Amino acid sequence: MSGRASHSFKWRLVGWLVLFETVATLVVIAIAVGLLWVTGYLIDGYENGNVDVLKDAITRKADGGLELQETPELQRLRQQAGKIWFIVRDRQGHSLSEGTVPEEFAFAVAGLERMNDARFRLSPDKNARPEAVVKWLESPAGMVQIFSGTEGQLTLGRLLLSTTGAFLSIFVPMLLLLAFATVVVTPIVVRRMLSGLSHAASHAAHIEYDQRGIQMPVTGVPNEFLPLVTAVNDALTRLDDGYTRHKRFLAQAAHELRTPVAILGARIASLPPGPDKTRLNEDVTRLSILAGQLLDLERLDAENDEFRPVDLAALAERVIVALAPLGFGAGYEMTFEADQRPVMVAGDEASLERALTNLVQNAIDHGGRRGTITVKVDPQGVIDVCDDGDGIPRSETDRIFEPFQRLRKDGKGAGLGLNLVQKIVHLHGGYVDVSRSASGGACMRIVLPLAAAVTA
């Protein structure tokens, strides 16, 4: 499952969207902070420059009092502001001070105990930086109150530290929520957007090799995938054209073969009886059947389904009478079993006769030139053709119906007969079954649905 997900368009899109959102958020933050830094807005409006430095420099004495360490930041603040002033006190009553509180803010000293957070601004502009602030802050000495001026400026290090804190507390949860929404919403959107492509793929999955003129639907396919679907449809069209030319060539070749085969059969018939004449008759019959098979394949592809009533008993009798001389000449007994009443099915008589002829010819070729070839017609629309040969292995019962497949490499024929039989029977709504006869030979069974009138 993980292997499928790693190559899924949907989840790759989700991953890229989450990555893009994260990078975009970081870039926006960096640009905003950079602009504020470059324009001096943060520097000019920052009011905690002094208290940030003082809170980090305040420590406790051994007796619990407060003292101020000369940190590098405090030294830079003194150099930057010149003289600084501040009052630092804690809740235990310890205090620490330096410099003189400006006269404008002296009144606030007496009320520090009642102040939590205060700003003192001399300018009427509410957006201007205050000149003094009162803040309670966490320091190395604990919570302390600092009353000081605002001469100090925001340093880049403190800016990055505060930005990191804001990112972790605000933007990370926001990104997680955005990523969750992306993971949930994106598959739904992708599924809806690609529904047309899924329909086309489902349609393509049902295309069979013997279907002609089939095209994948382009309705609802996104424009980004339309060239792919169009290319597949063009390829299907080219395959159809090539298959049509191929079938036309086979049909023409079969037509061209019939005349010389008929002439050859007539000349062989004038020869005196003997083993050579028998073998030549078999070969000519095989050539005639092969030409007929090629023509029948072409006729089946035309899908002419104008079926008429066909009597299976009469059809089987004609086939056994026509092939009996060939079977006798090859050393077989030929038997025919059928009821006196007709066995009616709806179908194409020429195609069904070709299918049964192929089965009988197959029994003559592979029956071992011994025993009996039996053709039996059952009133339920079943025709059995059985021989006393070596039979067909169970492992080969499916493969024998594939075109150009033969059980033995030295076997006779082109391997089209049983494939053609299966096509003809399927076209008539029936099926072909393979089993063993009582003697261990092969038994081929054609099962066809009876005509409606007969069934009624």
Protein backbone atom coordinates (compact mmCIF):
# COMPACT_ATOMS: atom_id res chain seq x y z
CA MET A 1 0.00 0.00 0.00
CA SER A 2 2.83 2.39 0.78
CA GLY A 3 4.39 1.66 -2.60
CA ARG A 4 1.16 2.63 -4.34
CA ALA A 5 0.81 5.80 -2.27
CA SER A 6 4.35 6.94 -3.04
CA HIS A 7 3.55 6.93 -6.77
CA SER A 8 0.00 8.27 -6.42
CA PHE A 9 -0.70 11.55 -8.16
CA LYS A 10 -3.10 12.46 -5.36
CA TRP A 11 -0.64 12.02 -2.49
CA ARG A 12 2.25 13.53 -4.43
CA LEU A 13 0.07 16.59 -4.97
CA VAL A 14 -0.76 16.69 -1.26
CA GLY A 15 2.93 16.50 -0.37
CA TRP A 16 3.88 19.27 -2.78
CA LEU A 17 1.03 21.50 -1.54
CA VAL A 18 2.03 21.07 2.11
CA LEU A 19 5.67 21.78 1.24
CA PHE A 20 4.66 24.84 -0.79
CA GLU A 21 2.48 26.16 2.05
CA THR A 22 5.30 25.75 4.56
CA VAL A 23 7.90 27.41 2.35
CA ALA A 24 5.49 30.20 1.36
CA THR A 25 4.69 30.93 5.00
CA LEU A 26 8.37 31.06 5.94
CA VAL A 27 9.15 33.31 2.98
CA VAL A 28 6.30 35.68 3.86
CA ILE A 29 7.47 35.89 7.47
CA ALA A 30 11.06 36.50 6.39
CA ILE A 31 10.02 39.20 3.91
CA ALA A 32 7.77 40.92 6.46
CA VAL A 33 10.42 40.89 9.16
CA GLY A 34 13.07 42.02 6.69
CA LEU A 35 10.96 44.92 5.48
CA LEU A 36 10.18 45.99 9.03
CA TRP A 37 13.87 45.78 9.89
CA VAL A 38 15.09 47.61 6.80
CA THR A 39 12.52 50.38 7.08
CA GLY A 40 13.37 50.87 10.75
CA TYR A 41 9.76 50.46 11.86
CA LEU A 42 10.64 47.84 14.47
CA ILE A 43 13.70 49.77 15.60
CA ASP A 44 12.00 53.12 15.88
CA GLY A 45 8.84 51.82 17.48
CA TYR A 46 10.43 49.27 19.80
CA GLU A 47 9.92 50.22 23.47
CA ASN A 48 11.59 47.32 25.30
CA GLY A 49 15.19 48.01 24.32
CA ASN A 50 16.23 48.94 27.87
CA VAL A 51 14.12 46.46 29.84
CA ASP A 52 15.26 43.53 27.66
CA VAL A 53 18.90 44.26 28.49
CA LEU A 54 18.23 45.01 32.19
CA LYS A 55 16.16 41.88 32.89
CA ASP A 56 18.94 39.66 31.53
CA ALA A 57 21.58 41.45 33.64
CA ILE A 58 19.76 41.30 37.01
CA THR A 59 20.83 38.57 39.47
CA ARG A 60 20.53 37.81 43.18
CA LYS A 61 23.11 38.44 45.81
CA ALA A 62 23.90 35.87 48.46
CA ASP A 63 21.67 37.70 50.92
CA GLY A 64 18.77 37.81 48.46
CA GLY A 65 19.24 41.36 47.29
CA LEU A 66 19.33 42.44 43.68
CA GLU A 67 22.47 43.31 41.74
CA LEU A 68 23.30 44.27 38.17
CA GLN A 69 25.94 42.48 36.12
CA GLU A 70 27.80 44.29 33.40
CA THR A 71 26.82 42.10 30.47
CA PRO A 72 28.08 42.87 26.92
CA GLU A 73 24.56 44.00 25.98
CA LEU A 74 24.43 46.37 28.96
CA GLN A 75 27.77 47.84 27.97
CA ARG A 76 26.54 48.40 24.41
CA LEU A 77 23.39 50.04 25.76
CA ARG A 78 25.44 52.45 27.88
CA GLN A 79 27.56 53.34 24.85
CA GLN A 80 24.48 53.79 22.68
CA ALA A 81 22.32 55.79 25.11
CA GLY A 82 25.06 57.53 27.11
CA LYS A 83 23.46 57.76 30.53
CA ILE A 84 20.67 55.40 31.44
CA TRP A 85 18.29 55.40 34.37
CA PHE A 86 16.18 52.64 35.87
CA ILE A 87 14.51 51.38 39.01
CA VAL A 88 14.28 47.64 39.58
CA ARG A 89 12.27 46.08 42.41
CA ASP A 90 10.83 42.71 43.33
CA ARG A 91 7.83 41.62 45.35
CA GLN A 92 9.98 41.06 48.47
CA GLY A 93 10.85 44.75 48.66
CA HIS A 94 14.37 44.56 47.27
CA SER A 95 15.21 47.35 44.87
CA LEU A 96 18.01 48.49 42.63
CA SER A 97 18.36 51.79 40.80
CA GLU A 98 20.74 53.82 38.70
CA GLY A 99 20.68 57.39 37.39
CA THR A 100 18.01 59.98 38.02
CA VAL A 101 14.41 59.55 36.98
CA PRO A 102 13.53 62.42 34.59
CA GLU A 103 11.44 65.11 36.18
CA GLU A 104 8.55 64.38 33.80
CA PHE A 105 8.19 60.84 35.24
CA ALA A 106 9.19 61.45 38.88
CA PHE A 107 5.56 61.34 39.94
CA ALA A 108 5.35 57.68 38.98
CA VAL A 109 8.01 56.53 41.47
CA ALA A 110 5.63 56.76 44.39
CA GLY A 111 2.99 54.67 42.61
CA LEU A 112 5.16 51.82 41.31
CA GLU A 113 3.68 49.39 43.83
CA ARG A 114 0.26 49.86 42.25
CA MET A 115 1.48 49.62 38.64
CA ASN A 116 1.60 46.44 36.57
CA ASP A 117 2.30 47.72 33.07
CA ALA A 118 2.57 51.39 32.09
CA ARG A 119 3.81 53.60 29.31
CA PHE A 120 4.71 57.25 29.59
CA ARG A 121 4.57 59.25 26.38
CA LEU A 122 5.31 62.97 26.10
CA SER A 123 4.22 63.21 22.47
CA PRO A 124 0.50 63.47 21.67
CA ASP A 125 1.00 60.88 18.89
CA LYS A 126 -0.40 57.61 20.20
CA ASN A 127 1.73 55.63 17.71
CA ALA A 128 5.01 57.21 18.84
CA ARG A 129 7.42 55.28 21.01
CA PRO A 130 6.94 56.08 24.75
CA GLU A 131 9.83 57.73 26.63
CA ALA A 132 9.48 55.45 29.68
CA VAL A 133 7.83 52.13 30.52
CA VAL A 134 6.97 50.05 33.58
CA LYS A 135 6.94 46.28 33.13
CA TRP A 136 6.97 43.14 35.21
CA LEU A 137 9.33 40.59 33.60
CA GLU A 138 10.87 37.21 34.34
CA SER A 139 14.62 37.56 34.98
CA PRO A 140 17.44 35.37 36.32
CA ALA A 141 16.50 36.81 39.74
CA GLY A 142 12.82 35.93 39.30
CA MET A 143 9.91 38.26 38.62
CA VAL A 144 11.02 41.88 38.81
CA GLN A 145 9.45 45.24 38.01
CA ILE A 146 11.54 47.54 35.79
CA PHE A 147 10.93 51.26 35.40
CA SER A 148 13.25 52.66 32.75
CA GLY A 149 13.62 54.72 29.61
CA THR A 150 13.34 53.39 26.06
CA GLU A 151 16.61 54.50 24.49
CA GLY A 152 17.69 50.96 23.56
CA GLN A 153 16.95 49.46 20.18
CA LEU A 154 15.84 46.03 19.03
CA THR A 155 18.77 43.81 18.10
CA LEU A 156 18.71 41.31 15.25
CA GLY A 157 19.30 38.42 17.62
CA ARG A 158 16.31 39.32 19.78
CA LEU A 159 14.21 39.84 16.66
CA LEU A 160 15.05 36.33 15.39
CA LEU A 161 14.44 34.85 18.85
CA SER A 162 11.04 36.53 19.17
CA THR A 163 10.15 35.59 15.58
CA THR A 164 11.03 31.95 16.30
CA GLY A 165 8.82 31.98 19.37
CA ALA A 166 5.94 33.53 17.45
CA PHE A 167 6.45 31.01 14.64
CA LEU A 168 6.34 28.06 17.04
CA SER A 169 3.34 29.31 18.96
CA ILE A 170 1.26 30.81 16.11
CA PHE A 171 2.40 29.74 12.67
CA VAL A 172 3.23 26.09 13.40
CA PRO A 173 -0.32 25.34 14.66
CA MET A 174 -1.67 27.29 11.69
CA LEU A 175 0.51 25.28 9.29
CA LEU A 176 -0.57 22.01 10.91
CA LEU A 177 -4.21 22.98 10.54
CA LEU A 178 -3.62 24.02 6.93
CA ALA A 179 -1.77 20.78 6.19
CA PHE A 180 -4.60 18.74 7.74
CA ALA A 181 -7.14 20.60 5.61
CA THR A 182 -4.96 19.99 2.54
CA VAL A 183 -4.71 16.25 3.26
CA VAL A 184 -8.49 16.00 3.68
CA VAL A 185 -9.67 18.32 0.91
CA THR A 186 -7.10 17.63 -1.84
CA PRO A 187 -8.04 13.94 -2.41
CA ILE A 188 -11.70 14.95 -2.68
CA VAL A 189 -10.91 17.71 -5.16
CA VAL A 190 -8.55 15.47 -7.17
CA ARG A 191 -11.13 12.70 -7.27
CA ARG A 192 -13.80 15.06 -8.56
CA MET A 193 -11.47 16.72 -11.07
CA LEU A 194 -10.20 13.38 -12.40
CA SER A 195 -13.59 11.65 -12.50
CA GLY A 196 -13.64 12.01 -16.29
CA LEU A 197 -10.20 10.42 -16.56
CA SER A 198 -11.27 7.58 -14.24
CA HIS A 199 -14.31 6.99 -16.46
CA ALA A 200 -12.06 6.86 -19.53
CA ALA A 201 -9.70 4.42 -17.79
CA SER A 202 -12.62 2.21 -16.75
CA HIS A 203 -13.87 2.25 -20.34
CA ALA A 204 -10.40 1.31 -21.62
CA ALA A 205 -10.23 -1.63 -19.18
CA HIS A 206 -13.18 -3.25 -20.98
CA ILE A 207 -11.77 -2.93 -24.49
CA GLU A 208 -11.19 -6.39 -26.00
CA TYR A 209 -8.80 -7.26 -28.78
CA ASP A 210 -11.57 -8.26 -31.15
CA GLN A 211 -13.58 -5.04 -30.79
CA ARG A 212 -13.42 -2.49 -33.60
CA GLY A 213 -14.00 1.25 -33.58
CA ILE A 214 -13.77 1.54 -29.79
CA GLN A 215 -12.65 4.93 -28.44
CA MET A 216 -12.03 6.22 -24.94
CA PRO A 217 -14.53 8.96 -23.94
CA VAL A 218 -13.07 12.48 -23.66
CA THR A 219 -16.05 14.05 -21.90
CA GLY A 220 -15.02 15.39 -18.50
CA VAL A 221 -11.32 14.62 -19.00
CA PRO A 222 -9.16 17.53 -17.68
CA ASN A 223 -7.36 19.51 -20.38
CA GLU A 224 -3.98 18.46 -18.94
CA PHE A 225 -4.77 14.78 -19.64
CA LEU A 226 -6.70 15.30 -22.87
CA PRO A 227 -3.58 14.89 -25.10
CA LEU A 228 -2.93 11.48 -23.50
CA VAL A 229 -6.50 10.25 -24.07
CA THR A 230 -6.47 11.63 -27.61
CA ALA A 231 -3.16 9.89 -28.34
CA VAL A 232 -4.59 6.57 -27.05
CA ASN A 233 -7.67 7.01 -29.25
CA ASP A 234 -5.45 7.73 -32.26
CA ALA A 235 -3.43 4.60 -31.47
CA LEU A 236 -6.65 2.54 -31.27
CA THR A 237 -7.71 3.92 -34.66
CA ARG A 238 -4.37 2.95 -36.19
CA LEU A 239 -4.63 -0.52 -34.66
CA ASP A 240 -8.13 -0.89 -36.11
CA ASP A 241 -6.87 0.11 -39.54
CA GLY A 242 -3.95 -2.32 -39.32
CA TYR A 243 -6.20 -5.13 -38.14
CA THR A 244 -8.64 -4.44 -40.96
CA ARG A 245 -5.85 -4.59 -43.54
CA HIS A 246 -4.57 -7.78 -41.97
CA LYS A 247 -7.98 -9.45 -42.04
CA ARG A 248 -8.56 -8.27 -45.62
CA PHE A 249 -5.27 -9.89 -46.61
CA LEU A 250 -6.25 -13.17 -44.93
CA ALA A 251 -9.63 -13.16 -46.66
CA GLN A 252 -8.08 -12.48 -50.07
CA ALA A 253 -5.45 -15.16 -49.49
CA ALA A 254 -8.14 -17.66 -48.51
CA HIS A 255 -10.18 -16.82 -51.60
CA GLU A 256 -7.12 -17.25 -53.79
CA LEU A 257 -6.37 -20.63 -52.18
CA ARG A 258 -9.79 -22.15 -52.79
CA THR A 259 -9.48 -22.40 -56.57
CA PRO A 260 -6.08 -24.16 -56.76
CA VAL A 261 -7.10 -26.44 -53.86
CA ALA A 262 -10.27 -27.42 -55.71
CA ILE A 263 -8.31 -28.09 -58.91
CA LEU A 264 -5.78 -30.16 -56.93
CA GLY A 265 -8.61 -32.18 -55.34
CA ALA A 266 -10.12 -32.90 -58.73
CA ARG A 267 -6.80 -34.14 -60.11
CA ILE A 268 -6.19 -36.37 -57.07
CA ALA A 269 -9.66 -37.88 -57.46
CA SER A 270 -8.64 -39.16 -60.89
CA LEU A 271 -5.70 -41.12 -59.45
CA PRO A 272 -6.01 -44.88 -58.86
CA PRO A 273 -6.80 -45.94 -55.27
CA GLY A 274 -3.86 -46.45 -52.91
CA PRO A 275 -2.05 -45.16 -49.81
CA ASP A 276 -0.61 -42.17 -51.68
CA LYS A 277 -4.05 -41.09 -52.85
CA THR A 278 -5.37 -41.39 -49.30
CA ARG A 279 -2.60 -39.17 -47.87
CA LEU A 280 -3.02 -36.66 -50.71
CA ASN A 281 -6.76 -36.54 -50.05
CA GLU A 282 -6.06 -35.81 -46.37
CA ASP A 283 -3.64 -33.03 -47.25
CA VAL A 284 -6.01 -31.44 -49.75
CA THR A 285 -8.88 -31.66 -47.28
CA ARG A 286 -6.71 -29.98 -44.66
CA LEU A 287 -5.84 -27.17 -47.09
CA SER A 288 -9.50 -26.75 -47.97
CA ILE A 289 -10.45 -26.60 -44.29
CA LEU A 290 -7.70 -24.07 -43.57
CA ALA A 291 -8.94 -21.80 -46.36
CA GLY A 292 -12.47 -22.18 -45.04
CA GLN A 293 -11.30 -21.37 -41.51
CA LEU A 294 -9.67 -18.16 -42.68
CA LEU A 295 -12.85 -17.13 -44.48
CA ASP A 296 -14.97 -18.03 -41.47
CA LEU A 297 -12.79 -15.87 -39.22
CA GLU A 298 -13.45 -12.97 -41.57
CA ARG A 299 -17.17 -13.69 -41.56
CA LEU A 300 -17.28 -13.85 -37.76
CA ASP A 301 -15.57 -10.45 -37.47
CA ALA A 302 -18.35 -9.02 -39.61
CA GLU A 303 -20.68 -9.94 -36.68
CA ASN A 304 -23.60 -10.88 -38.89
CA ASP A 305 -26.12 -12.08 -36.30
CA GLU A 306 -29.08 -12.80 -38.61
CA PHE A 307 -29.72 -16.25 -37.15
CA ARG A 308 -32.23 -18.73 -38.58
CA PRO A 309 -33.55 -22.09 -37.28
CA VAL A 310 -30.96 -24.86 -37.71
CA ASP A 311 -31.49 -28.60 -37.21
CA LEU A 312 -28.40 -29.89 -35.40
CA ALA A 313 -29.23 -33.52 -36.17
CA ALA A 314 -29.46 -32.92 -39.92
CA LEU A 315 -26.35 -30.71 -39.85
CA ALA A 316 -24.32 -33.34 -37.98
CA GLU A 317 -25.48 -36.05 -40.40
CA ARG A 318 -24.27 -34.01 -43.38
CA VAL A 319 -20.87 -33.47 -41.77
CA ILE A 320 -20.36 -37.16 -40.88
CA VAL A 321 -21.40 -38.24 -44.38
CA ALA A 322 -19.01 -35.76 -45.98
CA LEU A 323 -16.02 -36.74 -43.79
CA ALA A 324 -16.73 -40.49 -43.48
CA PRO A 325 -14.59 -41.42 -46.53
CA LEU A 326 -11.68 -39.47 -45.06
CA GLY A 327 -12.13 -41.18 -41.68
CA PHE A 328 -12.41 -44.65 -43.22
CA GLY A 329 -9.30 -44.00 -45.28
CA ALA A 330 -7.38 -43.02 -42.12
CA GLY A 331 -8.31 -46.29 -40.39
CA TYR A 332 -11.30 -45.28 -38.22
CA GLU A 333 -14.79 -46.59 -37.67
CA MET A 334 -17.35 -43.75 -37.99
CA THR A 335 -20.62 -43.80 -36.02
CA PHE A 336 -23.47 -41.32 -35.79
CA GLU A 337 -26.06 -41.26 -32.99
CA ALA A 338 -29.13 -39.00 -33.00
CA ASP A 339 -32.88 -39.14 -32.37
CA GLN A 340 -35.27 -39.14 -35.27
CA ARG A 341 -36.78 -35.79 -34.27
CA PRO A 342 -35.05 -32.50 -35.15
CA VAL A 343 -32.91 -30.63 -32.61
CA MET A 344 -33.55 -27.01 -33.46
CA VAL A 345 -31.30 -24.07 -32.49
CA ALA A 346 -31.12 -20.48 -33.76
CA GLY A 347 -27.89 -19.76 -35.60
CA ASP A 348 -25.86 -19.44 -38.76
CA GLU A 349 -25.92 -22.84 -40.43
CA ALA A 350 -22.67 -22.40 -42.38
CA SER A 351 -20.75 -21.37 -39.26
CA LEU A 352 -22.11 -24.22 -37.14
CA GLU A 353 -21.34 -26.72 -39.91
CA ARG A 354 -17.79 -25.36 -40.06
CA ALA A 355 -17.41 -25.74 -36.27
CA LEU A 356 -18.55 -29.36 -36.30
CA THR A 357 -16.41 -30.12 -39.35
CA ASN A 358 -13.38 -28.78 -37.50
CA LEU A 359 -14.07 -31.03 -34.53
CA VAL A 360 -14.45 -34.15 -36.68
CA GLN A 361 -11.36 -33.23 -38.72
CA ASN A 362 -9.49 -32.70 -35.44
CA ALA A 363 -10.53 -36.17 -34.24
CA ILE A 364 -9.31 -37.71 -37.53
CA ASP A 365 -5.95 -35.92 -37.25
CA HIS A 366 -5.31 -36.68 -33.55
CA GLY A 367 -7.27 -39.88 -32.85
CA GLY A 368 -4.26 -42.13 -33.38
CA ARG A 369 -5.69 -43.72 -36.57
CA ARG A 370 -7.44 -46.37 -34.53
CA GLY A 371 -10.78 -47.07 -32.91
CA THR A 372 -14.03 -45.24 -33.53
CA ILE A 373 -14.95 -41.62 -34.05
CA THR A 374 -18.44 -41.03 -32.65
CA VAL A 375 -20.67 -38.06 -33.35
CA LYS A 376 -23.68 -37.88 -31.04
CA VAL A 377 -26.48 -35.29 -31.04
CA ASP A 378 -28.48 -34.87 -27.81
CA PRO A 379 -32.00 -33.42 -27.90
CA GLN A 380 -30.90 -30.73 -25.42
CA GLY A 381 -28.73 -28.98 -28.00
CA VAL A 382 -25.53 -30.93 -27.29
CA ILE A 383 -23.13 -32.41 -29.87
CA ASP A 384 -20.34 -34.76 -28.75
CA VAL A 385 -17.37 -35.70 -30.96
CA CYS A 386 -15.31 -38.46 -29.32
CA ASP A 387 -12.36 -40.59 -30.41
CA ASP A 388 -10.25 -43.44 -29.00
CA GLY A 389 -6.91 -41.65 -29.18
CA ASP A 390 -4.54 -40.47 -26.43
CA GLY A 391 -6.84 -37.70 -25.16
CA ILE A 392 -5.99 -34.15 -24.13
CA PRO A 393 -4.07 -33.49 -20.87
CA ARG A 394 -6.02 -31.46 -18.31
CA SER A 395 -3.26 -28.84 -18.22
CA GLU A 396 -3.83 -28.14 -21.92
CA THR A 397 -7.63 -27.90 -21.99
CA ASP A 398 -7.58 -24.08 -21.96
CA ARG A 399 -4.53 -23.55 -24.14
CA ILE A 400 -5.83 -25.61 -27.06
CA PHE A 401 -8.45 -22.93 -27.82
CA GLU A 402 -5.82 -20.24 -28.34
CA PRO A 403 -5.05 -19.45 -32.01
CA PHE A 404 -2.04 -21.18 -33.58
CA GLN A 405 -1.62 -23.50 -30.58
CA ARG A 406 -0.95 -27.20 -31.14
CA LEU A 407 -0.40 -29.96 -28.61
CA ARG A 408 2.51 -31.40 -30.62
CA LYS A 409 5.03 -29.41 -32.59
CA ASP A 410 4.83 -31.98 -35.39
CA GLY A 411 1.04 -31.89 -35.41
CA LYS A 412 -0.95 -31.24 -38.55
CA GLY A 413 -2.92 -28.08 -39.22
CA ALA A 414 -2.33 -24.42 -38.39
CA GLY A 415 -3.85 -24.44 -34.90
CA LEU A 416 -6.90 -22.36 -35.91
CA GLY A 417 -9.60 -25.02 -35.81
CA LEU A 418 -10.50 -25.11 -32.11
CA ASN A 419 -10.15 -21.34 -31.77
CA LEU A 420 -12.63 -20.94 -34.59
CA VAL A 421 -14.97 -23.50 -33.02
CA GLN A 422 -14.96 -21.59 -29.72
CA LYS A 423 -15.65 -18.27 -31.47
CA ILE A 424 -18.56 -19.72 -33.44
CA VAL A 425 -20.11 -21.37 -30.39
CA HIS A 426 -19.71 -18.24 -28.23
CA LEU A 427 -21.31 -16.21 -31.02
CA HIS A 428 -24.34 -18.52 -30.74
CA GLY A 429 -24.55 -18.16 -26.94
CA GLY A 430 -23.10 -21.58 -26.16
CA TYR A 431 -19.82 -23.04 -24.94
CA VAL A 432 -17.29 -25.77 -25.74
CA ASP A 433 -16.22 -28.34 -23.17
CA VAL A 434 -13.35 -30.85 -23.16
CA SER A 435 -13.44 -34.23 -21.43
CA ARG A 436 -12.30 -37.85 -21.86
CA SER A 437 -14.25 -40.53 -23.60
CA ALA A 438 -14.89 -43.94 -22.03
CA SER A 439 -11.85 -45.33 -23.89
CA GLY A 440 -9.57 -42.51 -22.64
CA GLY A 441 -9.64 -40.52 -25.86
CA ALA A 442 -10.70 -36.91 -26.35
CA CYS A 443 -14.35 -35.91 -26.22
CA MET A 444 -15.24 -32.43 -27.46
CA ARG A 445 -18.71 -31.16 -26.56
CA ILE A 446 -20.63 -28.26 -28.11
CA VAL A 447 -23.54 -26.99 -26.01
CA LEU A 448 -26.00 -24.59 -27.70
CA PRO A 449 -29.25 -23.06 -26.42
CA LEU A 450 -32.32 -24.50 -28.06
CA ALA A 451 -34.48 -22.29 -30.23
CA ALA A 452 -37.34 -20.58 -28.34
CA ALA A 453 -40.08 -22.31 -30.30
CA VAL A 454 -38.66 -25.77 -29.59
CA THR A 455 -38.18 -25.00 -25.88
CA ALA A 456 -41.77 -23.80 -25.62
